[in-house]
Amino acid sequence: MTAGALPGRAGRAAPRSRGGHRGARRGPAVPAATIARLAACVACCLTAGIAVKENYLLRGFEAALASHVVGFATALPAGPIPQTPSFWFTVGPHHVMGLEITPACTVVLMMTPFLIATAFLVWRRSSAARPLVACAVAIVMLLVVNQLRILAIIMFVLHMGFGGGFYWGHTLIGSLITVLGGAVTLVVYALIAIRRGTPGRARRSAH
């Protein structure tokens, strides 16, 4: 007897192993929009923390800016005191007065809540553009409001002297400017950051 292949068995292929060549399953990829929103949230929080920590430098910037604003508005000599949050302005022919921007009067305290709110809105909303634009507009408006407050103090001091002028300009009129300016800034921020598209635009997109 000789050994040989049985009829019909020679061409049969070996069974394939299931899953032998399949790649390992990968987890769901994180969308790029989520990563961008997370980065924007972290950036807003870091900016708020840095602003609070480095408020001395920011107050120095405000003082330098205020010296230019006061010099332009009053046409009197004024200038910053280097490496300090203070500036000087001319009260009389031979009388120069200095003004320091204290931590309680800086724009840093007012802009920090807007940065934190922006971080929350960026994470909660699908688009980060509106909250970020609203935050930038709010910071600029707060800076302008604080400069107007400083200018009001200087104008009252020039016309009423330091005693009564500083009281009226800083305590009464200055506080009123800060409250009204902060309220207007909050409204503008909410309109830009939270307001959805106009109905007309929505109707055009529906058609």
C-alpha atoms as a PDB file:
ATOM      1  CA  MET A   1       0.000   0.000   0.000  1.00  0.00           C
ATOM      2  CA  THR A   2       1.256   3.435  -0.815  1.00  0.00           C
ATOM      3  CA  ALA A   3       0.378   6.690   0.962  1.00  0.00           C
ATOM      4  CA  GLY A   4      -1.378   9.336  -1.121  1.00  0.00           C
ATOM      5  CA  ALA A   5      -3.712  12.311  -0.862  1.00  0.00           C
ATOM      6  CA  LEU A   6      -7.361  11.530  -0.651  1.00  0.00           C
ATOM      7  CA  PRO A   7      -9.551  12.855  -3.468  1.00  0.00           C
ATOM      8  CA  GLY A   8     -11.096  16.244  -2.755  1.00  0.00           C
ATOM      9  CA  ARG A   9      -8.860  17.023   0.255  1.00  0.00           C
ATOM     10  CA  ALA A  10      -5.715  18.309  -1.467  1.00  0.00           C
ATOM     11  CA  GLY A  11      -6.882  21.863  -2.395  1.00  0.00           C
ATOM     12  CA  ARG A  12      -8.719  22.647   0.801  1.00  0.00           C
ATOM     13  CA  ALA A  13      -7.220  25.729   2.502  1.00  0.00           C
ATOM     14  CA  ALA A  14      -6.536  25.898   6.202  1.00  0.00           C
ATOM     15  CA  PRO A  15      -9.152  27.743   8.233  1.00  0.00           C
ATOM     16  CA  ARG A  16      -8.367  31.436   8.870  1.00  0.00           C
ATOM     17  CA  SER A  17      -7.882  32.657  12.367  1.00  0.00           C
ATOM     18  CA  ARG A  18     -10.497  35.198  13.394  1.00  0.00           C
ATOM     19  CA  GLY A  19      -9.067  38.416  14.662  1.00  0.00           C
ATOM     20  CA  GLY A  20      -5.460  37.397  14.219  1.00  0.00           C
ATOM     21  CA  HIS A  21      -4.627  40.300  11.932  1.00  0.00           C
ATOM     22  CA  ARG A  22      -7.084  42.799  13.312  1.00  0.00           C
ATOM     23  CA  GLY A  23      -5.562  45.924  14.822  1.00  0.00           C
ATOM     24  CA  ALA A  24      -6.110  46.837  18.434  1.00  0.00           C
ATOM     25  CA  ARG A  25      -9.176  48.945  19.063  1.00  0.00           C
ATOM     26  CA  ARG A  26      -8.466  52.602  19.714  1.00  0.00           C
ATOM     27  CA  GLY A  27     -10.425  54.851  22.046  1.00  0.00           C
ATOM     28  CA  PRO A  28     -12.489  57.729  20.684  1.00  0.00           C
ATOM     29  CA  ALA A  29     -10.322  60.661  19.573  1.00  0.00           C
ATOM     30  CA  VAL A  30     -10.712  63.940  21.466  1.00  0.00           C
ATOM     31  CA  PRO A  31     -12.195  66.578  19.122  1.00  0.00           C
ATOM     32  CA  ALA A  32      -9.931  69.481  18.265  1.00  0.00           C
ATOM     33  CA  ALA A  33     -12.649  71.930  19.342  1.00  0.00           C
ATOM     34  CA  THR A  34     -12.630  70.473  22.853  1.00  0.00           C
ATOM     35  CA  ILE A  35      -8.861  70.816  23.077  1.00  0.00           C
ATOM     36  CA  ALA A  36      -9.102  74.427  21.884  1.00  0.00           C
ATOM     37  CA  ARG A  37     -11.789  75.238  24.452  1.00  0.00           C
ATOM     38  CA  LEU A  38      -9.733  73.648  27.212  1.00  0.00           C
ATOM     39  CA  ALA A  39      -6.677  75.662  26.180  1.00  0.00           C
ATOM     40  CA  ALA A  40      -8.737  78.877  26.142  1.00  0.00           C
ATOM     41  CA  CYS A  41     -10.134  78.114  29.619  1.00  0.00           C
ATOM     42  CA  VAL A  42      -6.671  77.483  31.015  1.00  0.00           C
ATOM     43  CA  ALA A  43      -5.366  80.661  29.351  1.00  0.00           C
ATOM     44  CA  CYS A  44      -8.132  82.770  30.917  1.00  0.00           C
ATOM     45  CA  CYS A  45      -7.524  81.311  34.384  1.00  0.00           C
ATOM     46  CA  LEU A  46      -3.760  81.766  34.065  1.00  0.00           C
ATOM     47  CA  THR A  47      -4.227  85.352  32.897  1.00  0.00           C
ATOM     48  CA  ALA A  48      -6.409  86.081  35.925  1.00  0.00           C
ATOM     49  CA  GLY A  49      -3.829  84.564  38.264  1.00  0.00           C
ATOM     50  CA  ILE A  50      -0.914  86.404  36.641  1.00  0.00           C
ATOM     51  CA  ALA A  51      -2.841  89.694  36.717  1.00  0.00           C
ATOM     52  CA  VAL A  52      -3.443  89.360  40.453  1.00  0.00           C
ATOM     53  CA  LYS A  53       0.126  88.285  41.162  1.00  0.00           C
ATOM     54  CA  GLU A  54       1.764  90.924  38.961  1.00  0.00           C
ATOM     55  CA  ASN A  55      -0.647  93.739  39.820  1.00  0.00           C
ATOM     56  CA  TYR A  56       2.290  96.030  40.699  1.00  0.00           C
ATOM     57  CA  LEU A  57       3.504  95.975  37.102  1.00  0.00           C
ATOM     58  CA  LEU A  58      -0.013  96.460  35.768  1.00  0.00           C
ATOM     59  CA  ARG A  59      -0.546  99.399  38.103  1.00  0.00           C
ATOM     60  CA  GLY A  60       2.674 100.855  36.752  1.00  0.00           C
ATOM     61  CA  PHE A  61       1.274 100.548  33.237  1.00  0.00           C
ATOM     62  CA  GLU A  62      -1.944 102.269  34.322  1.00  0.00           C
ATOM     63  CA  ALA A  63       0.045 105.072  35.937  1.00  0.00           C
ATOM     64  CA  ALA A  64       2.110 105.600  32.782  1.00  0.00           C
ATOM     65  CA  LEU A  65      -1.067 105.626  30.681  1.00  0.00           C
ATOM     66  CA  ALA A  66      -2.763 108.026  33.097  1.00  0.00           C
ATOM     67  CA  SER A  67       0.128 110.472  32.845  1.00  0.00           C
ATOM     68  CA  HIS A  68      -0.398 110.693  29.083  1.00  0.00           C
ATOM     69  CA  VAL A  69      -4.177 111.004  29.457  1.00  0.00           C
ATOM     70  CA  VAL A  70      -3.880 113.750  32.085  1.00  0.00           C
ATOM     71  CA  GLY A  71      -1.239 115.606  30.074  1.00  0.00           C
ATOM     72  CA  PHE A  72      -3.422 115.488  26.953  1.00  0.00           C
ATOM     73  CA  ALA A  73      -6.661 116.457  28.725  1.00  0.00           C
ATOM     74  CA  THR A  74      -5.261 119.260  30.878  1.00  0.00           C
ATOM     75  CA  ALA A  75      -2.403 120.467  28.641  1.00  0.00           C
ATOM     76  CA  LEU A  76      -0.227 120.470  31.773  1.00  0.00           C
ATOM     77  CA  PRO A  77       3.099 118.689  32.194  1.00  0.00           C
ATOM     78  CA  ALA A  78       2.718 115.168  33.605  1.00  0.00           C
ATOM     79  CA  GLY A  79       4.714 111.980  33.543  1.00  0.00           C
ATOM     80  CA  PRO A  80       5.185 108.567  35.143  1.00  0.00           C
ATOM     81  CA  ILE A  81       7.526 107.856  38.037  1.00  0.00           C
ATOM     82  CA  PRO A  82       9.733 105.022  36.732  1.00  0.00           C
ATOM     83  CA  GLN A  83       9.339 101.551  38.251  1.00  0.00           C
ATOM     84  CA  THR A  84       6.431 102.627  40.466  1.00  0.00           C
ATOM     85  CA  PRO A  85       2.623 102.651  40.080  1.00  0.00           C
ATOM     86  CA  SER A  86       2.675 106.459  40.424  1.00  0.00           C
ATOM     87  CA  PHE A  87       2.752 109.513  38.209  1.00  0.00           C
ATOM     88  CA  TRP A  88       3.182 113.239  38.723  1.00  0.00           C
ATOM     89  CA  PHE A  89       1.257 116.200  37.359  1.00  0.00           C
ATOM     90  CA  THR A  90       1.684 119.947  37.614  1.00  0.00           C
ATOM     91  CA  VAL A  91      -0.665 121.809  39.940  1.00  0.00           C
ATOM     92  CA  GLY A  92       0.926 125.241  39.741  1.00  0.00           C
ATOM     93  CA  PRO A  93       3.955 127.031  38.332  1.00  0.00           C
ATOM     94  CA  HIS A  94       6.200 125.594  41.033  1.00  0.00           C
ATOM     95  CA  HIS A  95       3.983 122.889  42.492  1.00  0.00           C
ATOM     96  CA  VAL A  96       4.038 119.245  41.377  1.00  0.00           C
ATOM     97  CA  MET A  97       1.821 116.569  42.887  1.00  0.00           C
ATOM     98  CA  GLY A  98       2.081 112.785  42.703  1.00  0.00           C
ATOM     99  CA  LEU A  99      -0.703 110.225  42.586  1.00  0.00           C
ATOM    100  CA  GLU A 100      -0.314 106.507  43.304  1.00  0.00           C
ATOM    101  CA  ILE A 101      -2.648 103.844  41.907  1.00  0.00           C
ATOM    102  CA  THR A 102      -3.266 101.558  44.877  1.00  0.00           C
ATOM    103  CA  PRO A 103      -4.329  97.871  44.676  1.00  0.00           C
ATOM    104  CA  ALA A 104      -7.892  98.929  45.510  1.00  0.00           C
ATOM    105  CA  CYS A 105      -8.033 101.378  42.590  1.00  0.00           C
ATOM    106  CA  THR A 106      -6.511  99.285  39.837  1.00  0.00           C
ATOM    107  CA  VAL A 107      -8.386  97.756  36.935  1.00  0.00           C
ATOM    108  CA  VAL A 108      -7.016  94.318  37.869  1.00  0.00           C
ATOM    109  CA  LEU A 109      -9.693  93.737  40.510  1.00  0.00           C
ATOM    110  CA  MET A 110     -12.445  94.576  38.025  1.00  0.00           C
ATOM    111  CA  MET A 111     -11.200  92.486  35.119  1.00  0.00           C
ATOM    112  CA  THR A 112     -10.506  89.279  37.091  1.00  0.00           C
ATOM    113  CA  PRO A 113     -14.213  88.273  37.395  1.00  0.00           C
ATOM    114  CA  PHE A 114     -14.626  88.748  33.645  1.00  0.00           C
ATOM    115  CA  LEU A 115     -11.695  86.410  32.969  1.00  0.00           C
ATOM    116  CA  ILE A 116     -13.135  83.722  35.249  1.00  0.00           C
ATOM    117  CA  ALA A 117     -16.602  84.092  33.704  1.00  0.00           C
ATOM    118  CA  THR A 118     -15.064  83.862  30.237  1.00  0.00           C
ATOM    119  CA  ALA A 119     -13.303  80.620  31.136  1.00  0.00           C
ATOM    120  CA  PHE A 120     -16.651  79.159  32.260  1.00  0.00           C
ATOM    121  CA  LEU A 121     -18.510  80.326  29.157  1.00  0.00           C
ATOM    122  CA  VAL A 122     -15.810  79.075  26.809  1.00  0.00           C
ATOM    123  CA  TRP A 123     -16.076  75.599  28.316  1.00  0.00           C
ATOM    124  CA  ARG A 124     -19.875  75.531  28.345  1.00  0.00           C
ATOM    125  CA  ARG A 125     -20.544  76.947  24.883  1.00  0.00           C
ATOM    126  CA  SER A 126     -19.771  75.344  21.538  1.00  0.00           C
ATOM    127  CA  SER A 127     -18.044  78.468  20.203  1.00  0.00           C
ATOM    128  CA  ALA A 128     -15.297  80.243  22.131  1.00  0.00           C
ATOM    129  CA  ALA A 129     -15.125  83.277  19.848  1.00  0.00           C
ATOM    130  CA  ARG A 130     -17.929  85.327  21.423  1.00  0.00           C
ATOM    131  CA  PRO A 131     -16.810  84.969  25.078  1.00  0.00           C
ATOM    132  CA  LEU A 132     -13.199  85.763  24.194  1.00  0.00           C
ATOM    133  CA  VAL A 133     -14.160  88.827  22.152  1.00  0.00           C
ATOM    134  CA  ALA A 134     -16.495  89.938  24.940  1.00  0.00           C
ATOM    135  CA  CYS A 135     -13.691  89.573  27.495  1.00  0.00           C
ATOM    136  CA  ALA A 136     -11.284  91.642  25.397  1.00  0.00           C
ATOM    137  CA  VAL A 137     -13.902  94.380  24.923  1.00  0.00           C
ATOM    138  CA  ALA A 138     -14.704  94.359  28.657  1.00  0.00           C
ATOM    139  CA  ILE A 139     -11.042  94.723  29.664  1.00  0.00           C
ATOM    140  CA  VAL A 140     -10.589  97.676  27.297  1.00  0.00           C
ATOM    141  CA  MET A 141     -13.774  99.310  28.618  1.00  0.00           C
ATOM    142  CA  LEU A 142     -12.690  98.826  32.234  1.00  0.00           C
ATOM    143  CA  LEU A 143      -9.331 100.373  31.445  1.00  0.00           C
ATOM    144  CA  VAL A 144     -11.053 103.386  29.891  1.00  0.00           C
ATOM    145  CA  VAL A 145     -13.409 103.707  32.876  1.00  0.00           C
ATOM    146  CA  ASN A 146     -10.519 103.688  35.318  1.00  0.00           C
ATOM    147  CA  GLN A 147      -8.660 106.300  33.296  1.00  0.00           C
ATOM    148  CA  LEU A 148     -11.756 108.510  33.329  1.00  0.00           C
ATOM    149  CA  ARG A 149     -11.935 108.086  37.093  1.00  0.00           C
ATOM    150  CA  ILE A 150      -8.294 109.117  37.506  1.00  0.00           C
ATOM    151  CA  LEU A 151      -8.836 112.082  35.201  1.00  0.00           C
ATOM    152  CA  ALA A 152     -11.859 113.159  37.260  1.00  0.00           C
ATOM    153  CA  ILE A 153      -9.752 113.089  40.425  1.00  0.00           C
ATOM    154  CA  ILE A 154      -7.082 115.251  38.806  1.00  0.00           C
ATOM    155  CA  MET A 155      -9.612 117.765  37.470  1.00  0.00           C
ATOM    156  CA  PHE A 156     -11.245 118.192  40.881  1.00  0.00           C
ATOM    157  CA  VAL A 157      -7.846 118.566  42.561  1.00  0.00           C
ATOM    158  CA  LEU A 158      -6.820 121.234  40.047  1.00  0.00           C
ATOM    159  CA  HIS A 159     -10.006 123.241  40.568  1.00  0.00           C
ATOM    160  CA  MET A 160     -10.739 122.681  44.273  1.00  0.00           C
ATOM    161  CA  GLY A 161      -7.377 121.952  45.825  1.00  0.00           C
ATOM    162  CA  PHE A 162      -6.184 118.683  47.262  1.00  0.00           C
ATOM    163  CA  GLY A 163      -8.465 118.463  50.318  1.00  0.00           C
ATOM    164  CA  GLY A 164     -11.915 118.996  48.825  1.00  0.00           C
ATOM    165  CA  GLY A 165     -10.897 118.076  45.285  1.00  0.00           C
ATOM    166  CA  PHE A 166      -9.570 114.653  46.215  1.00  0.00           C
ATOM    167  CA  TYR A 167     -12.655 113.912  48.292  1.00  0.00           C
ATOM    168  CA  TRP A 168     -15.101 114.853  45.550  1.00  0.00           C
ATOM    169  CA  GLY A 169     -13.067 113.370  42.732  1.00  0.00           C
ATOM    170  CA  HIS A 170     -12.069 110.117  44.421  1.00  0.00           C
ATOM    171  CA  THR A 171     -14.841 109.290  46.884  1.00  0.00           C
ATOM    172  CA  LEU A 172     -17.967 110.652  45.205  1.00  0.00           C
ATOM    173  CA  ILE A 173     -17.579 111.278  41.476  1.00  0.00           C
ATOM    174  CA  GLY A 174     -14.860 108.669  41.030  1.00  0.00           C
ATOM    175  CA  SER A 175     -16.923 105.971  42.732  1.00  0.00           C
ATOM    176  CA  LEU A 176     -19.933 106.923  40.614  1.00  0.00           C
ATOM    177  CA  ILE A 177     -17.866 106.623  37.430  1.00  0.00           C
ATOM    178  CA  THR A 178     -16.621 103.200  38.527  1.00  0.00           C
ATOM    179  CA  VAL A 179     -20.098 101.887  39.375  1.00  0.00           C
ATOM    180  CA  LEU A 180     -21.773 103.169  36.204  1.00  0.00           C
ATOM    181  CA  GLY A 181     -18.855 102.164  34.002  1.00  0.00           C
ATOM    182  CA  GLY A 182     -18.741  98.697  35.528  1.00  0.00           C
ATOM    183  CA  ALA A 183     -22.486  98.252  34.997  1.00  0.00           C
ATOM    184  CA  VAL A 184     -22.256  99.321  31.347  1.00  0.00           C
ATOM    185  CA  THR A 185     -19.278  97.031  30.840  1.00  0.00           C
ATOM    186  CA  LEU A 186     -21.188  94.103  32.322  1.00  0.00           C
ATOM    187  CA  VAL A 187     -24.147  94.718  30.005  1.00  0.00           C
ATOM    188  CA  VAL A 188     -21.921  94.957  26.931  1.00  0.00           C
ATOM    189  CA  TYR A 189     -20.071  91.812  27.970  1.00  0.00           C
ATOM    190  CA  ALA A 190     -23.323  89.884  28.383  1.00  0.00           C
ATOM    191  CA  LEU A 191     -24.684  91.087  25.040  1.00  0.00           C
ATOM    192  CA  ILE A 192     -21.573  89.954  23.192  1.00  0.00           C
ATOM    193  CA  ALA A 193     -20.821  86.742  25.076  1.00  0.00           C
ATOM    194  CA  ILE A 194     -24.286  85.296  25.671  1.00  0.00           C
ATOM    195  CA  ARG A 195     -26.506  86.731  22.933  1.00  0.00           C
ATOM    196  CA  ARG A 196     -27.281  84.268  20.174  1.00  0.00           C
ATOM    197  CA  GLY A 197     -27.634  85.003  16.475  1.00  0.00           C
ATOM    198  CA  THR A 198     -30.349  87.387  15.314  1.00  0.00           C
ATOM    199  CA  PRO A 199     -33.728  85.931  14.236  1.00  0.00           C
ATOM    200  CA  GLY A 200     -33.241  87.248  10.719  1.00  0.00           C
ATOM    201  CA  ARG A 201     -29.984  85.358  10.353  1.00  0.00           C
ATOM    202  CA  ALA A 202     -31.629  82.240  11.736  1.00  0.00           C
ATOM    203  CA  ARG A 203     -34.452  82.509   9.186  1.00  0.00           C
ATOM    204  CA  ARG A 204     -31.993  82.942   6.333  1.00  0.00           C
ATOM    205  CA  SER A 205     -30.073  79.853   7.435  1.00  0.00           C
ATOM    206  CA  ALA A 206     -33.358  77.883   7.640  1.00  0.00           C
ATOM    207  CA  HIS A 207     -34.139  78.680   4.012  1.00  0.00           C
END
